[in-house]
N, C-alpha and C. Protein backbone atom coordinates (compact mmCIF):
# COMPACT_ATOMS: atom_id res chain seq x y z
N MET A 1 5.22 18.92 -26.56
CA MET A 1 5.72 18.14 -25.60
C MET A 1 5.46 18.31 -24.28
N LYS A 2 5.15 19.71 -23.98
CA LYS A 2 4.66 20.05 -22.59
C LYS A 2 3.32 19.61 -22.45
N ARG A 3 2.49 19.63 -23.33
CA ARG A 3 1.08 19.18 -23.19
C ARG A 3 1.12 17.68 -22.98
N ILE A 4 1.92 16.79 -23.54
CA ILE A 4 2.07 15.48 -23.25
C ILE A 4 2.44 15.01 -21.82
N VAL A 5 3.35 15.86 -21.29
CA VAL A 5 3.95 15.64 -19.85
C VAL A 5 2.75 16.15 -19.01
N ILE A 6 2.08 17.21 -19.22
CA ILE A 6 0.88 17.62 -18.26
C ILE A 6 -0.13 16.54 -18.33
N ALA A 7 -0.52 15.99 -19.52
CA ALA A 7 -1.58 14.93 -19.71
C ALA A 7 -1.13 13.71 -18.95
N LEU A 8 0.12 13.35 -18.99
CA LEU A 8 0.56 12.17 -18.35
C LEU A 8 0.55 12.43 -16.78
N LEU A 9 0.96 13.51 -16.32
CA LEU A 9 0.82 13.86 -14.82
C LEU A 9 -0.67 13.85 -14.42
N MET A 10 -1.54 14.34 -15.28
CA MET A 10 -2.89 14.45 -14.84
C MET A 10 -3.59 12.95 -14.76
N THR A 11 -3.14 12.13 -15.61
CA THR A 11 -3.56 10.78 -15.73
C THR A 11 -2.97 9.96 -14.59
N ALA A 12 -1.73 10.17 -14.08
CA ALA A 12 -1.25 9.53 -12.98
C ALA A 12 -1.80 10.02 -11.74
N GLY A 13 -2.27 11.25 -11.60
CA GLY A 13 -2.91 11.77 -10.41
C GLY A 13 -4.32 11.28 -10.26
N LEU A 14 -5.17 11.00 -11.49
CA LEU A 14 -6.34 10.52 -11.26
C LEU A 14 -6.38 9.07 -11.10
N THR A 15 -5.48 8.31 -11.53
CA THR A 15 -5.30 7.02 -11.36
C THR A 15 -5.02 6.67 -9.83
N ALA A 16 -4.23 7.41 -9.22
CA ALA A 16 -3.65 7.39 -7.79
C ALA A 16 -4.78 7.59 -6.97
N CYS A 17 -5.78 8.47 -7.14
CA CYS A 17 -6.82 8.73 -6.36
C CYS A 17 -7.96 7.76 -6.52
N GLY A 18 -8.04 6.88 -7.47
CA GLY A 18 -9.09 5.93 -7.79
C GLY A 18 -10.11 6.47 -8.57
N ALA A 19 -9.87 7.54 -9.44
CA ALA A 19 -11.05 8.08 -10.16
C ALA A 19 -11.61 7.15 -11.04
N ASP A 20 -10.62 6.14 -11.61
CA ASP A 20 -11.07 5.23 -12.63
C ASP A 20 -11.49 3.87 -11.96
N GLY A 21 -11.55 3.68 -10.66
CA GLY A 21 -11.81 2.47 -9.79
C GLY A 21 -11.54 2.61 -8.48
N GLU A 22 -11.44 1.58 -7.76
CA GLU A 22 -11.11 1.67 -6.32
C GLU A 22 -9.57 1.88 -6.18
N PRO A 23 -9.45 2.88 -5.17
CA PRO A 23 -8.01 3.27 -4.88
C PRO A 23 -7.29 2.07 -4.23
N ILE A 24 -5.95 2.09 -4.29
CA ILE A 24 -5.09 1.11 -3.58
C ILE A 24 -4.96 1.58 -2.21
N ARG A 25 -5.37 0.80 -1.31
CA ARG A 25 -5.15 1.21 0.10
C ARG A 25 -4.00 0.49 0.68
N PRO A 26 -3.11 1.39 1.37
CA PRO A 26 -1.95 0.68 2.11
C PRO A 26 -2.38 -0.02 3.43
N THR A 27 -1.71 -1.12 3.72
CA THR A 27 -2.00 -1.72 5.01
C THR A 27 -0.75 -1.82 5.67
N ALA A 28 -0.64 -1.94 7.08
CA ALA A 28 0.37 -2.13 8.06
C ALA A 28 0.05 -2.71 9.22
N GLY A 29 0.95 -3.56 9.81
CA GLY A 29 0.64 -4.03 11.25
C GLY A 29 2.03 -4.24 11.92
N VAL A 30 1.94 -4.01 13.21
CA VAL A 30 3.03 -4.33 13.92
C VAL A 30 2.67 -5.11 15.21
N GLY A 31 3.47 -6.19 15.70
CA GLY A 31 3.28 -7.00 16.79
C GLY A 31 4.33 -7.14 17.63
N VAL A 32 4.10 -7.51 18.91
CA VAL A 32 5.16 -7.70 20.02
C VAL A 32 4.65 -8.86 20.71
N SER A 33 5.43 -9.72 20.90
CA SER A 33 5.09 -10.84 21.71
C SER A 33 6.22 -11.39 22.64
N VAL A 34 5.76 -11.82 23.94
CA VAL A 34 6.76 -12.10 24.84
C VAL A 34 6.60 -13.63 25.09
N GLY A 35 7.61 -14.27 25.27
CA GLY A 35 7.57 -15.92 25.48
C GLY A 35 8.80 -16.39 26.23
N THR A 36 8.92 -17.66 26.35
CA THR A 36 10.05 -18.31 27.05
C THR A 36 11.39 -17.81 26.41
N GLY A 37 11.27 -17.68 25.13
CA GLY A 37 12.56 -17.24 24.38
C GLY A 37 12.88 -15.83 24.37
N GLY A 38 12.07 -15.01 24.95
CA GLY A 38 12.43 -13.61 25.02
C GLY A 38 11.18 -12.81 24.43
N VAL A 39 11.60 -11.51 24.05
CA VAL A 39 10.68 -10.65 23.39
C VAL A 39 10.82 -10.71 21.90
N SER A 40 9.86 -10.72 21.02
CA SER A 40 10.12 -10.65 19.50
C SER A 40 9.14 -9.67 19.04
N VAL A 41 9.64 -8.97 18.08
CA VAL A 41 8.82 -7.81 17.36
C VAL A 41 8.63 -8.13 15.88
N GLY A 42 7.51 -8.00 15.27
CA GLY A 42 7.32 -8.27 13.89
C GLY A 42 6.50 -7.21 13.36
N GLY A 43 6.34 -7.09 12.00
CA GLY A 43 5.69 -6.17 11.29
C GLY A 43 5.24 -6.75 9.93
N SER A 44 4.30 -6.01 9.27
CA SER A 44 3.99 -6.29 7.84
C SER A 44 3.47 -4.99 7.19
N VAL A 45 3.71 -4.98 5.93
CA VAL A 45 3.23 -3.87 5.04
C VAL A 45 2.58 -4.55 3.81
N GLY A 46 1.76 -3.82 3.23
CA GLY A 46 1.16 -4.46 1.99
C GLY A 46 0.03 -3.31 1.43
N ALA A 47 -0.56 -3.89 0.40
CA ALA A 47 -1.62 -2.97 -0.35
C ALA A 47 -2.78 -3.77 -0.50
N ARG A 48 -4.06 -3.14 -0.51
CA ARG A 48 -5.35 -3.79 -0.74
C ARG A 48 -6.04 -3.14 -1.82
N VAL A 49 -6.54 -4.06 -2.74
CA VAL A 49 -7.42 -3.48 -3.92
C VAL A 49 -8.80 -4.26 -3.81
N GLY A 50 -9.88 -3.77 -3.40
CA GLY A 50 -10.99 -4.64 -3.40
C GLY A 50 -10.88 -5.64 -2.34
N ASN A 51 -11.08 -7.02 -2.95
CA ASN A 51 -10.87 -8.14 -1.95
C ASN A 51 -9.50 -8.78 -2.15
N VAL A 52 -8.60 -8.14 -2.74
CA VAL A 52 -7.19 -8.68 -3.04
C VAL A 52 -6.27 -8.01 -2.07
N THR A 53 -5.60 -8.60 -1.25
CA THR A 53 -4.46 -8.12 -0.39
C THR A 53 -3.15 -8.82 -0.73
N VAL A 54 -2.16 -7.93 -0.81
CA VAL A 54 -0.77 -8.44 -1.09
C VAL A 54 0.13 -7.64 -0.06
N GLY A 55 0.94 -8.52 0.65
CA GLY A 55 1.75 -8.04 1.80
C GLY A 55 3.06 -8.85 2.04
N VAL A 56 3.88 -8.16 2.78
CA VAL A 56 5.18 -8.69 3.13
C VAL A 56 5.31 -8.68 4.68
N GLY A 57 5.54 -9.83 5.34
CA GLY A 57 5.80 -9.80 6.87
C GLY A 57 7.31 -9.79 7.07
N LEU A 58 7.60 -9.05 8.21
CA LEU A 58 8.89 -9.00 8.59
C LEU A 58 9.19 -9.66 9.98
């Protein structure tokens, strides 16, 4: 049982660092704009793998 847990942890570590392909790169952005309606603040977070980017804007 101990060997299985160690093997799973090692596999997860290799996958996270991109040993079997491109790593997942986090993306983030923050913006501030001033207009006639006042000041507004926005932001976004996401992840990028190769040419594919997935994100959420706030």
